[in-house]
Amino acid sequence: MKKSLIIPAVLVAAGSLFFASCKSNNTDTSMKSPTAQNTEIANQRENVENKSLAEPVSMTLGTDAKAKTVENMQAAFKGETTASAKYAAFSKKAEQEGFHQIALLFKAASTAENIHANNHKAVLQESGILYR
C-alpha cells in the first residue's frame, strides 16, 4: 500500500521536472548553420543594447504590459512557493515510509523551488512592488 502511494508521486515529480527542463521558448524550428546562428545572436544583442540606450524600460512598456508583468511575477512567486511546500511534504512522507533516497530527491526539488521563489521575490522587491 505504501509503494502504491509514493511511486505515483515520484513519477509525477520526475516527469514535471523533466518536462520543465525540456521546455524551449524557441519557436523557430528550422535548422540553421552555426554562422547564421551567431549572426542572429549578434543582431539580437545589438537590438537589446540599442533599445536599452534609447529609452528606459519604464518608457518602453505600456501600463498594461507593466501590470501584466507584475501579475505574472506574483503568480510565479506563488506557484514556486506552493511547489516548494508540496515537495517538502512529499519528502517528509517518503522519509516516514522508509524511502530515504526518494525523500532526498524531493528535498532537493523543494530547495530548488524555494530558490526560484526567492528569485521572483527579489525581482518584485527591486521593482518596488511589495508582495504580501
Protein backbone atom coordinates (compact mmCIF):
# COMPACT_ATOMS: atom_id res chain seq x y z
CA MET A 1 0.00 0.00 0.00
CA LYS A 2 2.83 2.41 0.84
CA LYS A 3 4.53 1.86 -2.51
CA SER A 4 1.28 2.47 -4.34
CA LEU A 5 1.15 5.98 -2.83
CA ILE A 6 4.75 7.08 -3.18
CA ILE A 7 5.54 5.73 -6.66
CA PRO A 8 2.95 7.87 -8.49
CA ALA A 9 4.14 10.92 -6.58
CA VAL A 10 7.74 10.23 -7.62
CA LEU A 11 6.72 9.71 -11.23
CA VAL A 12 4.71 12.93 -11.31
CA ALA A 13 7.55 14.92 -9.74
CA ALA A 14 10.19 13.44 -12.02
CA GLY A 15 8.01 13.96 -15.08
CA SER A 16 7.24 17.57 -14.23
CA LEU A 17 10.92 18.32 -13.61
CA PHE A 18 11.85 16.62 -16.89
CA PHE A 19 9.27 18.47 -18.96
CA ALA A 20 10.07 21.80 -17.30
CA SER A 21 13.75 21.37 -18.15
CA CYS A 22 12.95 20.37 -21.74
CA LYS A 23 10.63 23.30 -22.45
CA SER A 24 12.01 25.61 -25.11
CA ASN A 25 10.90 29.13 -25.89
CA ASN A 26 12.46 28.94 -29.34
CA THR A 27 9.59 28.83 -31.82
CA ASP A 28 11.85 28.73 -34.87
CA THR A 29 12.21 25.05 -35.69
CA SER A 30 14.30 25.43 -38.83
CA MET A 31 17.88 24.23 -38.78
CA LYS A 32 20.48 26.98 -39.05
CA SER A 33 24.21 26.87 -39.60
CA PRO A 34 26.42 27.94 -36.69
CA THR A 35 27.40 31.08 -38.65
CA ALA A 36 23.75 32.04 -39.17
CA GLN A 37 23.01 31.39 -35.50
CA ASN A 38 25.95 33.56 -34.40
CA THR A 39 24.84 36.36 -36.71
CA GLU A 40 21.28 36.15 -35.38
CA ILE A 41 22.50 36.22 -31.77
CA ALA A 42 24.72 39.23 -32.50
CA ASN A 43 21.77 41.05 -34.10
CA GLN A 44 19.57 40.31 -31.10
CA ARG A 45 22.22 41.61 -28.72
CA GLU A 46 22.63 44.77 -30.79
CA ASN A 47 18.86 45.35 -30.76
CA VAL A 48 18.74 44.94 -26.98
CA GLU A 49 21.71 47.25 -26.46
CA ASN A 50 20.27 49.91 -28.77
CA LYS A 51 16.85 49.73 -27.15
CA SER A 52 18.25 49.94 -23.63
CA LEU A 53 20.31 53.01 -24.59
CA ALA A 54 17.45 54.68 -26.42
CA GLU A 55 14.94 54.83 -23.59
CA PRO A 56 14.38 53.29 -20.17
CA VAL A 57 12.25 50.19 -19.76
CA SER A 58 9.60 52.19 -17.97
CA MET A 59 9.10 54.19 -21.16
CA THR A 60 9.00 51.19 -23.48
CA LEU A 61 6.41 49.19 -21.57
CA GLY A 62 2.85 50.39 -21.52
CA THR A 63 0.92 50.38 -18.28
CA ASP A 64 -0.99 47.28 -19.37
CA ALA A 65 2.27 45.45 -20.02
CA LYS A 66 3.67 46.55 -16.65
CA ALA A 67 0.56 45.37 -14.83
CA LYS A 68 0.63 42.04 -16.65
CA THR A 69 4.34 41.59 -15.85
CA VAL A 70 3.73 42.27 -12.17
CA GLU A 71 0.78 39.90 -12.20
CA ASN A 72 2.87 37.19 -13.86
CA MET A 73 5.74 37.65 -11.39
CA GLN A 74 3.38 37.41 -8.45
CA ALA A 75 1.76 34.28 -9.89
CA ALA A 76 5.21 32.77 -10.49
CA PHE A 77 6.22 33.52 -6.90
CA LYS A 78 3.05 31.92 -5.58
CA GLY A 79 3.48 28.87 -7.83
CA GLU A 80 7.12 28.34 -6.83
CA THR A 81 6.25 28.70 -3.13
CA THR A 82 3.41 26.20 -3.44
CA ALA A 83 5.60 23.73 -5.33
CA SER A 84 8.32 24.02 -2.70
CA ALA A 85 5.84 23.25 0.08
CA LYS A 86 4.42 20.27 -1.81
CA TYR A 87 7.85 18.77 -2.49
CA ALA A 88 8.79 19.27 1.17
CA ALA A 89 5.63 17.41 2.22
CA PHE A 90 6.39 14.61 -0.27
CA SER A 91 9.91 14.39 1.14
CA LYS A 92 8.63 14.13 4.70
CA LYS A 93 6.14 11.40 3.75
CA ALA A 94 8.75 9.42 1.81
CA GLU A 95 11.12 9.57 4.79
CA GLN A 96 8.34 8.38 7.13
CA GLU A 97 7.67 5.45 4.82
CA GLY A 98 11.34 4.49 4.73
CA PHE A 99 12.22 5.76 1.24
CA HIS A 100 15.28 7.78 2.23
CA GLN A 101 16.72 8.24 -1.29
CA ILE A 102 13.38 9.37 -2.70
CA ALA A 103 12.99 11.73 0.25
CA LEU A 104 16.34 13.29 -0.66
CA LEU A 105 15.19 13.81 -4.26
CA PHE A 106 12.03 15.56 -3.12
CA LYS A 107 14.04 17.66 -0.66
CA ALA A 108 16.35 18.75 -3.49
CA ALA A 109 13.35 19.66 -5.67
CA SER A 110 11.83 21.59 -2.76
CA THR A 111 15.06 23.52 -2.24
CA ALA A 112 15.28 24.37 -5.95
CA GLU A 113 11.70 25.64 -5.99
CA ASN A 114 12.43 27.71 -2.87
CA ILE A 115 15.41 29.31 -4.63
CA HIS A 116 13.20 30.11 -7.64
CA ALA A 117 10.59 31.66 -5.34
CA ASN A 118 13.22 33.81 -3.64
CA ASN A 119 14.49 35.00 -7.04
CA HIS A 120 10.98 36.05 -8.05
CA LYS A 121 10.51 37.79 -4.70
CA ALA A 122 13.80 39.67 -5.12
CA VAL A 123 12.74 40.91 -8.56
CA LEU A 124 9.42 42.10 -7.18
CA GLN A 125 11.12 43.89 -4.30
CA GLU A 126 13.73 45.52 -6.57
CA SER A 127 10.99 46.85 -8.81
CA GLY A 128 9.25 48.43 -5.84
CA ILE A 129 6.34 46.03 -5.65
CA LEU A 130 5.77 44.72 -2.17
CA TYR A 131 4.41 41.20 -2.34
CA ARG A 132 2.48 40.05 0.67
